[in-house]
Amino acid sequence: MQLIADMIDEIMEEYEGAEAYAKKAVQFQTERPALSRKYLNMAKQELEHGDNLHTEIVAVIQAYRAKNGQPPEAMMMVYNWEHEKMIDHVARVKALLAMVKT
């Protein structure tokens, strides 16, 4: 389903942005604490954007199930594969964010 593929790409973009901001939050926490906090907040917002899109993917899959029954196996395999990568990415971002002392 093209919609799910597009949304997965968008989620990964959000998580990549979150990771970049989280790295900057860590980088600047000592020499520029105010800037670090800004990057920290931006990283959290990016994570939230990705999570919001993920919620919508789940809704799309549930709607498909309600209308058509079980989604195609290939679609679910791709989703599950990408979902595992998303979980790993979020874990890396959260580990970075935990390093920032506010």
PDB file of N, CA and C in Angstrom:
ATOM      1  N   MET A   1       0.845  -1.168   0.000  1.00  0.00           N
ATOM      2  CA  MET A   1       0.000   0.000   0.000  1.00  0.00           C
ATOM      3  C   MET A   1       0.900   1.243   0.000  1.00  0.00           C
ATOM      4  N   GLN A   2       0.763   2.062  -1.019  1.00  0.00           N
ATOM      5  CA  GLN A   2       1.645   3.208  -1.203  1.00  0.00           C
ATOM      6  C   GLN A   2       1.537   4.217  -0.056  1.00  0.00           C
ATOM      7  N   LEU A   3       0.345   4.402   0.478  1.00  0.00           N
ATOM      8  CA  LEU A   3       0.162   5.345   1.577  1.00  0.00           C
ATOM      9  C   LEU A   3       1.039   4.976   2.771  1.00  0.00           C
ATOM     10  N   ILE A   4       1.058   3.703   3.119  1.00  0.00           N
ATOM     11  CA  ILE A   4       1.864   3.255   4.254  1.00  0.00           C
ATOM     12  C   ILE A   4       3.351   3.458   3.957  1.00  0.00           C
ATOM     13  N   ALA A   5       3.779   3.131   2.760  1.00  0.00           N
ATOM     14  CA  ALA A   5       5.186   3.317   2.382  1.00  0.00           C
ATOM     15  C   ALA A   5       5.583   4.787   2.487  1.00  0.00           C
ATOM     16  N   ASP A   6       4.722   5.672   2.006  1.00  0.00           N
ATOM     17  CA  ASP A   6       5.018   7.101   2.082  1.00  0.00           C
ATOM     18  C   ASP A   6       5.082   7.575   3.532  1.00  0.00           C
ATOM     19  N   MET A   7       4.161   7.106   4.349  1.00  0.00           N
ATOM     20  CA  MET A   7       4.138   7.517   5.747  1.00  0.00           C
ATOM     21  C   MET A   7       5.358   6.989   6.501  1.00  0.00           C
ATOM     22  N   ILE A   8       5.801   5.793   6.171  1.00  0.00           N
ATOM     23  CA  ILE A   8       7.010   5.250   6.797  1.00  0.00           C
ATOM     24  C   ILE A   8       8.208   6.142   6.458  1.00  0.00           C
ATOM     25  N   ASP A   9       8.301   6.555   5.200  1.00  0.00           N
ATOM     26  CA  ASP A   9       9.384   7.469   4.810  1.00  0.00           C
ATOM     27  C   ASP A   9       9.321   8.761   5.619  1.00  0.00           C
ATOM     28  N   GLU A  10       8.126   9.296   5.788  1.00  0.00           N
ATOM     29  CA  GLU A  10       7.960  10.536   6.552  1.00  0.00           C
ATOM     30  C   GLU A  10       8.332  10.340   8.023  1.00  0.00           C
ATOM     31  N   ILE A  11       7.948   9.211   8.578  1.00  0.00           N
ATOM     32  CA  ILE A  11       8.296   8.918   9.971  1.00  0.00           C
ATOM     33  C   ILE A  11       9.806   8.859  10.126  1.00  0.00           C
ATOM     34  N   MET A  12      10.474   8.174   9.225  1.00  0.00           N
ATOM     35  CA  MET A  12      11.926   8.059   9.331  1.00  0.00           C
ATOM     36  C   MET A  12      12.596   9.420   9.185  1.00  0.00           C
ATOM     37  N   GLU A  13      12.046  10.295   8.344  1.00  0.00           N
ATOM     38  CA  GLU A  13      12.582  11.647   8.241  1.00  0.00           C
ATOM     39  C   GLU A  13      12.455  12.381   9.571  1.00  0.00           C
ATOM     40  N   GLU A  14      11.319  12.221  10.228  1.00  0.00           N
ATOM     41  CA  GLU A  14      11.116  12.863  11.532  1.00  0.00           C
ATOM     42  C   GLU A  14      12.117  12.325  12.553  1.00  0.00           C
ATOM     43  N   TYR A  15      12.295  11.019  12.575  1.00  0.00           N
ATOM     44  CA  TYR A  15      13.214  10.411  13.543  1.00  0.00           C
ATOM     45  C   TYR A  15      14.668  10.776  13.240  1.00  0.00           C
ATOM     46  N   GLU A  16      15.009  10.895  11.964  1.00  0.00           N
ATOM     47  CA  GLU A  16      16.362  11.333  11.607  1.00  0.00           C
ATOM     48  C   GLU A  16      16.586  12.773  12.056  1.00  0.00           C
ATOM     49  N   GLY A  17      15.576  13.617  11.888  1.00  0.00           N
ATOM     50  CA  GLY A  17      15.669  14.993  12.373  1.00  0.00           C
ATOM     51  C   GLY A  17      15.812  15.024  13.884  1.00  0.00           C
ATOM     52  N   ALA A  18      15.046  14.185  14.567  1.00  0.00           N
ATOM     53  CA  ALA A  18      15.132  14.112  16.027  1.00  0.00           C
ATOM     54  C   ALA A  18      16.532  13.713  16.462  1.00  0.00           C
ATOM     55  N   GLU A  19      17.125  12.763  15.758  1.00  0.00           N
ATOM     56  CA  GLU A  19      18.472  12.323  16.110  1.00  0.00           C
ATOM     57  C   GLU A  19      19.495  13.443  15.899  1.00  0.00           C
ATOM     58  N   ALA A  20      19.365  14.169  14.807  1.00  0.00           N
ATOM     59  CA  ALA A  20      20.289  15.276  14.542  1.00  0.00           C
ATOM     60  C   ALA A  20      20.163  16.342  15.628  1.00  0.00           C
ATOM     61  N   TYR A  21      18.945  16.688  16.004  1.00  0.00           N
ATOM     62  CA  TYR A  21      18.745  17.679  17.061  1.00  0.00           C
ATOM     63  C   TYR A  21      19.241  17.163  18.407  1.00  0.00           C
ATOM     64  N   ALA A  22      19.021  15.893  18.685  1.00  0.00           N
ATOM     65  CA  ALA A  22      19.476  15.319  19.955  1.00  0.00           C
ATOM     66  C   ALA A  22      21.001  15.369  20.053  1.00  0.00           C
ATOM     67  N   LYS A  23      21.680  15.079  18.956  1.00  0.00           N
ATOM     68  CA  LYS A  23      23.148  15.150  18.955  1.00  0.00           C
ATOM     69  C   LYS A  23      23.618  16.567  19.236  1.00  0.00           C
ATOM     70  N   LYS A  24      22.935  17.555  18.665  1.00  0.00           N
ATOM     71  CA  LYS A  24      23.307  18.940  18.929  1.00  0.00           C
ATOM     72  C   LYS A  24      22.997  19.323  20.374  1.00  0.00           C
ATOM     73  N   ALA A  25      21.931  18.800  20.931  1.00  0.00           N
ATOM     74  CA  ALA A  25      21.610  19.072  22.331  1.00  0.00           C
ATOM     75  C   ALA A  25      22.723  18.558  23.234  1.00  0.00           C
ATOM     76  N   VAL A  26      23.236  17.385  22.928  1.00  0.00           N
ATOM     77  CA  VAL A  26      24.360  16.836  23.695  1.00  0.00           C
ATOM     78  C   VAL A  26      25.605  17.687  23.468  1.00  0.00           C
ATOM     79  N   GLN A  27      25.866  18.030  22.237  1.00  0.00           N
ATOM     80  CA  GLN A  27      27.074  18.782  21.878  1.00  0.00           C
ATOM     81  C   GLN A  27      27.151  20.127  22.599  1.00  0.00           C
ATOM     82  N   PHE A  28      26.036  20.815  22.719  1.00  0.00           N
ATOM     83  CA  PHE A  28      26.052  22.178  23.248  1.00  0.00           C
ATOM     84  C   PHE A  28      25.648  22.297  24.715  1.00  0.00           C
ATOM     85  N   GLN A  29      25.404  21.181  25.396  1.00  0.00           N
ATOM     86  CA  GLN A  29      24.868  21.279  26.742  1.00  0.00           C
ATOM     87  C   GLN A  29      25.794  21.982  27.733  1.00  0.00           C
ATOM     88  N   THR A  30      27.098  21.918  27.551  1.00  0.00           N
ATOM     89  CA  THR A  30      28.024  22.552  28.479  1.00  0.00           C
ATOM     90  C   THR A  30      28.289  24.006  28.113  1.00  0.00           C
ATOM     91  N   GLU A  31      28.641  24.232  26.855  1.00  0.00           N
ATOM     92  CA  GLU A  31      29.047  25.581  26.463  1.00  0.00           C
ATOM     93  C   GLU A  31      27.884  26.515  26.143  1.00  0.00           C
ATOM     94  N   ARG A  32      26.741  25.962  25.738  1.00  0.00           N
ATOM     95  CA  ARG A  32      25.579  26.793  25.402  1.00  0.00           C
ATOM     96  C   ARG A  32      24.309  26.096  25.874  1.00  0.00           C
ATOM     97  N   PRO A  33      24.058  26.081  27.172  1.00  0.00           N
ATOM     98  CA  PRO A  33      22.908  25.339  27.720  1.00  0.00           C
ATOM     99  C   PRO A  33      21.558  25.774  27.150  1.00  0.00           C
ATOM    100  N   ALA A  34      21.374  27.059  26.901  1.00  0.00           N
ATOM    101  CA  ALA A  34      20.089  27.512  26.354  1.00  0.00           C
ATOM    102  C   ALA A  34      19.873  26.942  24.955  1.00  0.00           C
ATOM    103  N   LEU A  35      20.919  26.932  24.147  1.00  0.00           N
ATOM    104  CA  LEU A  35      20.836  26.350  22.805  1.00  0.00           C
ATOM    105  C   LEU A  35      20.587  24.846  22.902  1.00  0.00           C
ATOM    106  N   SER A  36      21.262  24.213  23.831  1.00  0.00           N
ATOM    107  CA  SER A  36      21.069  22.783  24.044  1.00  0.00           C
ATOM    108  C   SER A  36      19.607  22.469  24.356  1.00  0.00           C
ATOM    109  N   ARG A  37      18.996  23.278  25.217  1.00  0.00           N
ATOM    110  CA  ARG A  37      17.583  23.059  25.572  1.00  0.00           C
ATOM    111  C   ARG A  37      16.675  23.237  24.357  1.00  0.00           C
ATOM    112  N   LYS A  38      17.003  24.196  23.503  1.00  0.00           N
ATOM    113  CA  LYS A  38      16.213  24.396  22.278  1.00  0.00           C
ATOM    114  C   LYS A  38      16.281  23.150  21.396  1.00  0.00           C
ATOM    115  N   TYR A  39      17.505  22.643  21.209  1.00  0.00           N
ATOM    116  CA  TYR A  39      17.658  21.431  20.403  1.00  0.00           C
ATOM    117  C   TYR A  39      16.958  20.244  21.056  1.00  0.00           C
ATOM    118  N   LEU A  40      17.019  20.166  22.365  1.00  0.00           N
ATOM    119  CA  LEU A  40      16.333  19.101  23.093  1.00  0.00           C
ATOM    120  C   LEU A  40      14.837  19.147  22.813  1.00  0.00           C
ATOM    121  N   ASN A  41      14.252  20.327  22.912  1.00  0.00           N
ATOM    122  CA  ASN A  41      12.818  20.477  22.652  1.00  0.00           C
ATOM    123  C   ASN A  41      12.463  20.164  21.207  1.00  0.00           C
ATOM    124  N   MET A  42      13.326  20.591  20.283  1.00  0.00           N
ATOM    125  CA  MET A  42      13.074  20.302  18.874  1.00  0.00           C
ATOM    126  C   MET A  42      13.138  18.801  18.611  1.00  0.00           C
ATOM    127  N   ALA A  43      14.075  18.124  19.237  1.00  0.00           N
ATOM    128  CA  ALA A  43      14.177  16.670  19.076  1.00  0.00           C
ATOM    129  C   ALA A  43      12.909  15.992  19.590  1.00  0.00           C
ATOM    130  N   LYS A  44      12.426  16.437  20.737  1.00  0.00           N
ATOM    131  CA  LYS A  44      11.199  15.856  21.292  1.00  0.00           C
ATOM    132  C   LYS A  44      10.006  16.101  20.376  1.00  0.00           C
ATOM    133  N   GLN A  45       9.947  17.271  19.766  1.00  0.00           N
ATOM    134  CA  GLN A  45       8.861  17.567  18.833  1.00  0.00           C
ATOM    135  C   GLN A  45       8.921  16.659  17.610  1.00  0.00           C
ATOM    136  N   GLU A  46      10.119  16.441  17.097  1.00  0.00           N
ATOM    137  CA  GLU A  46      10.268  15.559  15.942  1.00  0.00           C
ATOM    138  C   GLU A  46       9.832  14.134  16.288  1.00  0.00           C
ATOM    139  N   LEU A  47      10.205  13.670  17.491  1.00  0.00           N
ATOM    140  CA  LEU A  47       9.747  12.350  17.922  1.00  0.00           C
ATOM    141  C   LEU A  47       8.226  12.302  17.966  1.00  0.00           C
ATOM    142  N   GLU A  48       7.627  13.355  18.474  1.00  0.00           N
ATOM    143  CA  GLU A  48       6.163  13.397  18.556  1.00  0.00           C
ATOM    144  C   GLU A  48       5.531  13.367  17.167  1.00  0.00           C
ATOM    145  N   HIS A  49       6.125  14.090  16.224  1.00  0.00           N
ATOM    146  CA  HIS A  49       5.615  14.067  14.849  1.00  0.00           C
ATOM    147  C   HIS A  49       5.647  12.642  14.295  1.00  0.00           C
ATOM    148  N   GLY A  50       6.770  11.968  14.490  1.00  0.00           N
ATOM    149  CA  GLY A  50       6.885  10.586  14.022  1.00  0.00           C
ATOM    150  C   GLY A  50       5.868   9.678  14.701  1.00  0.00           C
ATOM    151  N   ASP A  51       5.698   9.848  15.999  1.00  0.00           N
ATOM    152  CA  ASP A  51       4.729   9.031  16.731  1.00  0.00           C
ATOM    153  C   ASP A  51       3.302   9.287  16.243  1.00  0.00           C
ATOM    154  N   ASN A  52       2.992  10.546  15.938  1.00  0.00           N
ATOM    155  CA  ASN A  52       1.660  10.866  15.419  1.00  0.00           C
ATOM    156  C   ASN A  52       1.410  10.182  14.076  1.00  0.00           C
ATOM    157  N   LEU A  53       2.416  10.205  13.224  1.00  0.00           N
ATOM    158  CA  LEU A  53       2.275   9.529  11.933  1.00  0.00           C
ATOM    159  C   LEU A  53       2.147   8.017  12.118  1.00  0.00           C
ATOM    160  N   HIS A  54       2.887   7.467  13.065  1.00  0.00           N
ATOM    161  CA  HIS A  54       2.788   6.035  13.326  1.00  0.00           C
ATOM    162  C   HIS A  54       1.378   5.663  13.767  1.00  0.00           C
ATOM    163  N   THR A  55       0.787   6.487  14.613  1.00  0.00           N
ATOM    164  CA  THR A  55      -0.588   6.247  15.044  1.00  0.00           C
ATOM    165  C   THR A  55      -1.523   6.193  13.840  1.00  0.00           C
ATOM    166  N   GLU A  56      -1.273   7.045  12.864  1.00  0.00           N
ATOM    167  CA  GLU A  56      -2.111   7.063  11.661  1.00  0.00           C
ATOM    168  C   GLU A  56      -1.901   5.819  10.805  1.00  0.00           C
ATOM    169  N   ILE A  57      -0.673   5.322  10.747  1.00  0.00           N
ATOM    170  CA  ILE A  57      -0.439   4.075   9.998  1.00  0.00           C
ATOM    171  C   ILE A  57      -1.232   2.945  10.633  1.00  0.00           C
ATOM    172  N   VAL A  58      -1.191   2.859  11.941  1.00  0.00           N
ATOM    173  CA  VAL A  58      -1.952   1.815  12.641  1.00  0.00           C
ATOM    174  C   VAL A  58      -3.435   1.954  12.303  1.00  0.00           C
ATOM    175  N   ALA A  59      -3.944   3.181  12.255  1.00  0.00           N
ATOM    176  CA  ALA A  59      -5.353   3.406  11.917  1.00  0.00           C
ATOM    177  C   ALA A  59      -5.657   2.960  10.482  1.00  0.00           C
ATOM    178  N   VAL A  60      -4.729   3.214   9.564  1.00  0.00           N
ATOM    179  CA  VAL A  60      -4.913   2.789   8.171  1.00  0.00           C
ATOM    180  C   VAL A  60      -4.989   1.262   8.098  1.00  0.00           C
ATOM    181  N   ILE A  61      -4.105   0.594   8.812  1.00  0.00           N
ATOM    182  CA  ILE A  61      -4.103  -0.873   8.810  1.00  0.00           C
ATOM    183  C   ILE A  61      -5.395  -1.406   9.436  1.00  0.00           C
ATOM    184  N   GLN A  62      -5.824  -0.802  10.536  1.00  0.00           N
ATOM    185  CA  GLN A  62      -7.073  -1.236  11.179  1.00  0.00           C
ATOM    186  C   GLN A  62      -8.271  -1.020  10.260  1.00  0.00           C
ATOM    187  N   ALA A  63      -8.307   0.095   9.551  1.00  0.00           N
ATOM    188  CA  ALA A  63      -9.399   0.354   8.614  1.00  0.00           C
ATOM    189  C   ALA A  63      -9.389  -0.664   7.478  1.00  0.00           C
ATOM    190  N   TYR A  64      -8.192  -1.008   7.015  1.00  0.00           N
ATOM    191  CA  TYR A  64      -8.087  -2.024   5.962  1.00  0.00           C
ATOM    192  C   TYR A  64      -8.658  -3.347   6.462  1.00  0.00           C
ATOM    193  N   ARG A  65      -8.275  -3.719   7.692  1.00  0.00           N
ATOM    194  CA  ARG A  65      -8.767  -4.971   8.275  1.00  0.00           C
ATOM    195  C   ARG A  65     -10.291  -4.963   8.390  1.00  0.00           C
ATOM    196  N   ALA A  66     -10.853  -3.850   8.820  1.00  0.00           N
ATOM    197  CA  ALA A  66     -12.302  -3.751   8.999  1.00  0.00           C
ATOM    198  C   ALA A  66     -13.038  -3.896   7.667  1.00  0.00           C
ATOM    199  N   LYS A  67     -12.448  -3.380   6.620  1.00  0.00           N
ATOM    200  CA  LYS A  67     -13.102  -3.396   5.314  1.00  0.00           C
ATOM    201  C   LYS A  67     -12.803  -4.656   4.510  1.00  0.00           C
ATOM    202  N   ASN A  68     -11.542  -5.134   4.573  1.00  0.00           N
ATOM    203  CA  ASN A  68     -11.097  -6.193   3.660  1.00  0.00           C
ATOM    204  C   ASN A  68     -10.606  -7.459   4.343  1.00  0.00           C
ATOM    205  N   GLY A  69     -10.557  -7.472   5.654  1.00  0.00           N
ATOM    206  CA  GLY A  69      -9.972  -8.611   6.345  1.00  0.00           C
ATOM    207  C   GLY A  69      -8.469  -8.428   6.502  1.00  0.00           C
ATOM    208  N   GLN A  70      -7.784  -9.516   6.693  1.00  0.00           N
ATOM    209  CA  GLN A  70      -6.336  -9.472   6.944  1.00  0.00           C
ATOM    210  C   GLN A  70      -5.595  -8.799   5.790  1.00  0.00           C
ATOM    211  N   PRO A  71      -4.705  -7.842   6.105  1.00  0.00           N
ATOM    212  CA  PRO A  71      -3.901  -7.212   5.041  1.00  0.00           C
ATOM    213  C   PRO A  71      -2.993  -8.245   4.373  1.00  0.00           C
ATOM    214  N   PRO A  72      -2.550  -7.944   3.160  1.00  0.00           N
ATOM    215  CA  PRO A  72      -1.651  -8.869   2.475  1.00  0.00           C
ATOM    216  C   PRO A  72      -0.396  -9.130   3.318  1.00  0.00           C
ATOM    217  N   GLU A  73       0.059 -10.366   3.285  1.00  0.00           N
ATOM    218  CA  GLU A  73       1.220 -10.762   4.078  1.00  0.00           C
ATOM    219  C   GLU A  73       2.450  -9.923   3.738  1.00  0.00           C
ATOM    220  N   ALA A  74       2.649  -9.648   2.460  1.00  0.00           N
ATOM    221  CA  ALA A  74       3.819  -8.862   2.052  1.00  0.00           C
ATOM    222  C   ALA A  74       3.769  -7.462   2.651  1.00  0.00           C
ATOM    223  N   MET A  75       2.587  -6.861   2.679  1.00  0.00           N
ATOM    224  CA  MET A  75       2.452  -5.529   3.255  1.00  0.00           C
ATOM    225  C   MET A  75       2.801  -5.547   4.737  1.00  0.00           C
ATOM    226  N   MET A  76       2.330  -6.538   5.447  1.00  0.00           N
ATOM    227  CA  MET A  76       2.598  -6.623   6.879  1.00  0.00           C
ATOM    228  C   MET A  76       4.061  -6.954   7.151  1.00  0.00           C
ATOM    229  N   MET A  77       4.677  -7.743   6.284  1.00  0.00           N
ATOM    230  CA  MET A  77       6.097  -8.044   6.457  1.00  0.00           C
ATOM    231  C   MET A  77       6.931  -6.774   6.321  1.00  0.00           C
ATOM    232  N   VAL A  78       6.621  -5.962   5.318  1.00  0.00           N
ATOM    233  CA  VAL A  78       7.349  -4.706   5.126  1.00  0.00           C
ATOM    234  C   VAL A  78       7.103  -3.779   6.308  1.00  0.00           C
ATOM    235  N   TYR A  79       5.847  -3.659   6.732  1.00  0.00           N
ATOM    236  CA  TYR A  79       5.538  -2.799   7.870  1.00  0.00           C
ATOM    237  C   TYR A  79       6.302  -3.257   9.111  1.00  0.00           C
ATOM    238  N   ASN A  80       6.269  -4.554   9.398  1.00  0.00           N
ATOM    239  CA  ASN A  80       6.949  -5.069  10.594  1.00  0.00           C
ATOM    240  C   ASN A  80       8.459  -4.847  10.516  1.00  0.00           C
ATOM    241  N   TRP A  81       9.038  -5.019   9.349  1.00  0.00           N
ATOM    242  CA  TRP A  81      10.469  -4.781   9.134  1.00  0.00           C
ATOM    243  C   TRP A  81      10.804  -3.319   9.435  1.00  0.00           C
ATOM    244  N   GLU A  82      10.032  -2.426   8.842  1.00  0.00           N
ATOM    245  CA  GLU A  82      10.262  -0.996   9.037  1.00  0.00           C
ATOM    246  C   GLU A  82       9.961  -0.588  10.481  1.00  0.00           C
ATOM    247  N   HIS A  83       8.961  -1.189  11.080  1.00  0.00           N
ATOM    248  CA  HIS A  83       8.608  -0.862  12.459  1.00  0.00           C
ATOM    249  C   HIS A  83       9.757  -1.191  13.403  1.00  0.00           C
ATOM    250  N   GLU A  84      10.427  -2.299  13.188  1.00  0.00           N
ATOM    251  CA  GLU A  84      11.594  -2.651  14.004  1.00  0.00           C
ATOM    252  C   GLU A  84      12.692  -1.597  13.868  1.00  0.00           C
ATOM    253  N   LYS A  85      12.900  -1.115  12.647  1.00  0.00           N
ATOM    254  CA  LYS A  85      13.908  -0.068  12.437  1.00  0.00           C
ATOM    255  C   LYS A  85      13.499   1.221  13.147  1.00  0.00           C
ATOM    256  N   MET A  86      12.206   1.525  13.128  1.00  0.00           N
ATOM    257  CA  MET A  86      11.713   2.715  13.824  1.00  0.00           C
ATOM    258  C   MET A  86      11.974   2.612  15.324  1.00  0.00           C
ATOM    259  N   ILE A  87      11.693   1.454  15.885  1.00  0.00           N
ATOM    260  CA  ILE A  87      11.899   1.242  17.319  1.00  0.00           C
ATOM    261  C   ILE A  87      13.370   1.449  17.672  1.00  0.00           C
ATOM    262  N   ASP A  88      14.257   0.892  16.878  1.00  0.00           N
ATOM    263  CA  ASP A  88      15.699   1.061  17.114  1.00  0.00           C
ATOM    264  C   ASP A  88      16.107   2.524  17.021  1.00  0.00           C
ATOM    265  N   HIS A  89      15.567   3.219  16.024  1.00  0.00           N
ATOM    266  CA  HIS A  89      15.915   4.621  15.829  1.00  0.00           C
ATOM    267  C   HIS A  89      15.448   5.468  17.020  1.00  0.00           C
ATOM    268  N   VAL A  90      14.233   5.249  17.453  1.00  0.00           N
ATOM    269  CA  VAL A  90      13.701   5.995  18.601  1.00  0.00           C
ATOM    270  C   VAL A  90      14.524   5.701  19.852  1.00  0.00           C
ATOM    271  N   ALA A  91      14.936   4.467  20.019  1.00  0.00           N
ATOM    272  CA  ALA A  91      15.750   4.113  21.187  1.00  0.00           C
ATOM    273  C   ALA A  91      17.071   4.876  21.174  1.00  0.00           C
ATOM    274  N   ARG A  92      17.692   5.004  20.002  1.00  0.00           N
ATOM    275  CA  ARG A  92      18.944   5.770  19.900  1.00  0.00           C
ATOM    276  C   ARG A  92      18.719   7.234  20.255  1.00  0.00           C
ATOM    277  N   VAL A  93      17.632   7.793  19.751  1.00  0.00           N
ATOM    278  CA  VAL A  93      17.340   9.200  20.027  1.00  0.00           C
ATOM    279  C   VAL A  93      17.091   9.401  21.523  1.00  0.00           C
ATOM    280  N   LYS A  94      16.309   8.524  22.118  1.00  0.00           N
ATOM    281  CA  LYS A  94      16.007   8.662  23.548  1.00  0.00           C
ATOM    282  C   LYS A  94      17.263   8.492  24.402  1.00  0.00           C
ATOM    283  N   ALA A  95      18.175   7.648  23.970  1.00  0.00           N
ATOM    284  CA  ALA A  95      19.437   7.500  24.699  1.00  0.00           C
ATOM    285  C   ALA A  95      20.240   8.795  24.632  1.00  0.00           C
ATOM    286  N   LEU A  96      20.255   9.431  23.489  1.00  0.00           N
ATOM    287  CA  LEU A  96      20.937  10.724  23.359  1.00  0.00           C
ATOM    288  C   LEU A  96      20.267  11.769  24.245  1.00  0.00           C
ATOM    289  N   LEU A  97      18.953  11.818  24.197  1.00  0.00           N
ATOM    290  CA  LEU A  97      18.231  12.809  24.995  1.00  0.00           C
ATOM    291  C   LEU A  97      18.459  12.620  26.486  1.00  0.00           C
ATOM    292  N   ALA A  98      18.621  11.369  26.890  1.00  0.00           N
ATOM    293  CA  ALA A  98      18.875  11.091  28.309  1.00  0.00           C
ATOM    294  C   ALA A  98      20.229  11.615  28.762  1.00  0.00           C
ATOM    295  N   MET A  99      21.117  11.853  27.816  1.00  0.00           N
ATOM    296  CA  MET A  99      22.452  12.360  28.142  1.00  0.00           C
ATOM    297  C   MET A  99      22.438  13.855  28.430  1.00  0.00           C
ATOM    298  N   VAL A 100      21.371  14.534  28.027  1.00  0.00           N
ATOM    299  CA  VAL A 100      21.300  15.985  28.176  1.00  0.00           C
ATOM    300  C   VAL A 100      20.808  16.318  29.574  1.00  0.00           C
ATOM    301  N   LYS A 101      21.612  17.063  30.294  1.00  0.00           N
ATOM    302  CA  LYS A 101      21.247  17.507  31.635  1.00  0.00           C
ATOM    303  C   LYS A 101      20.596  18.879  31.507  1.00  0.00           C
ATOM    304  N   THR A 102      19.328  18.963  31.852  1.00  0.00           N
ATOM    305  CA  THR A 102      18.631  20.255  31.733  1.00  0.00           C
ATOM    306  C   THR A 102      18.559  20.979  33.054  1.00  0.00           C
TER     307      THR A 102
END
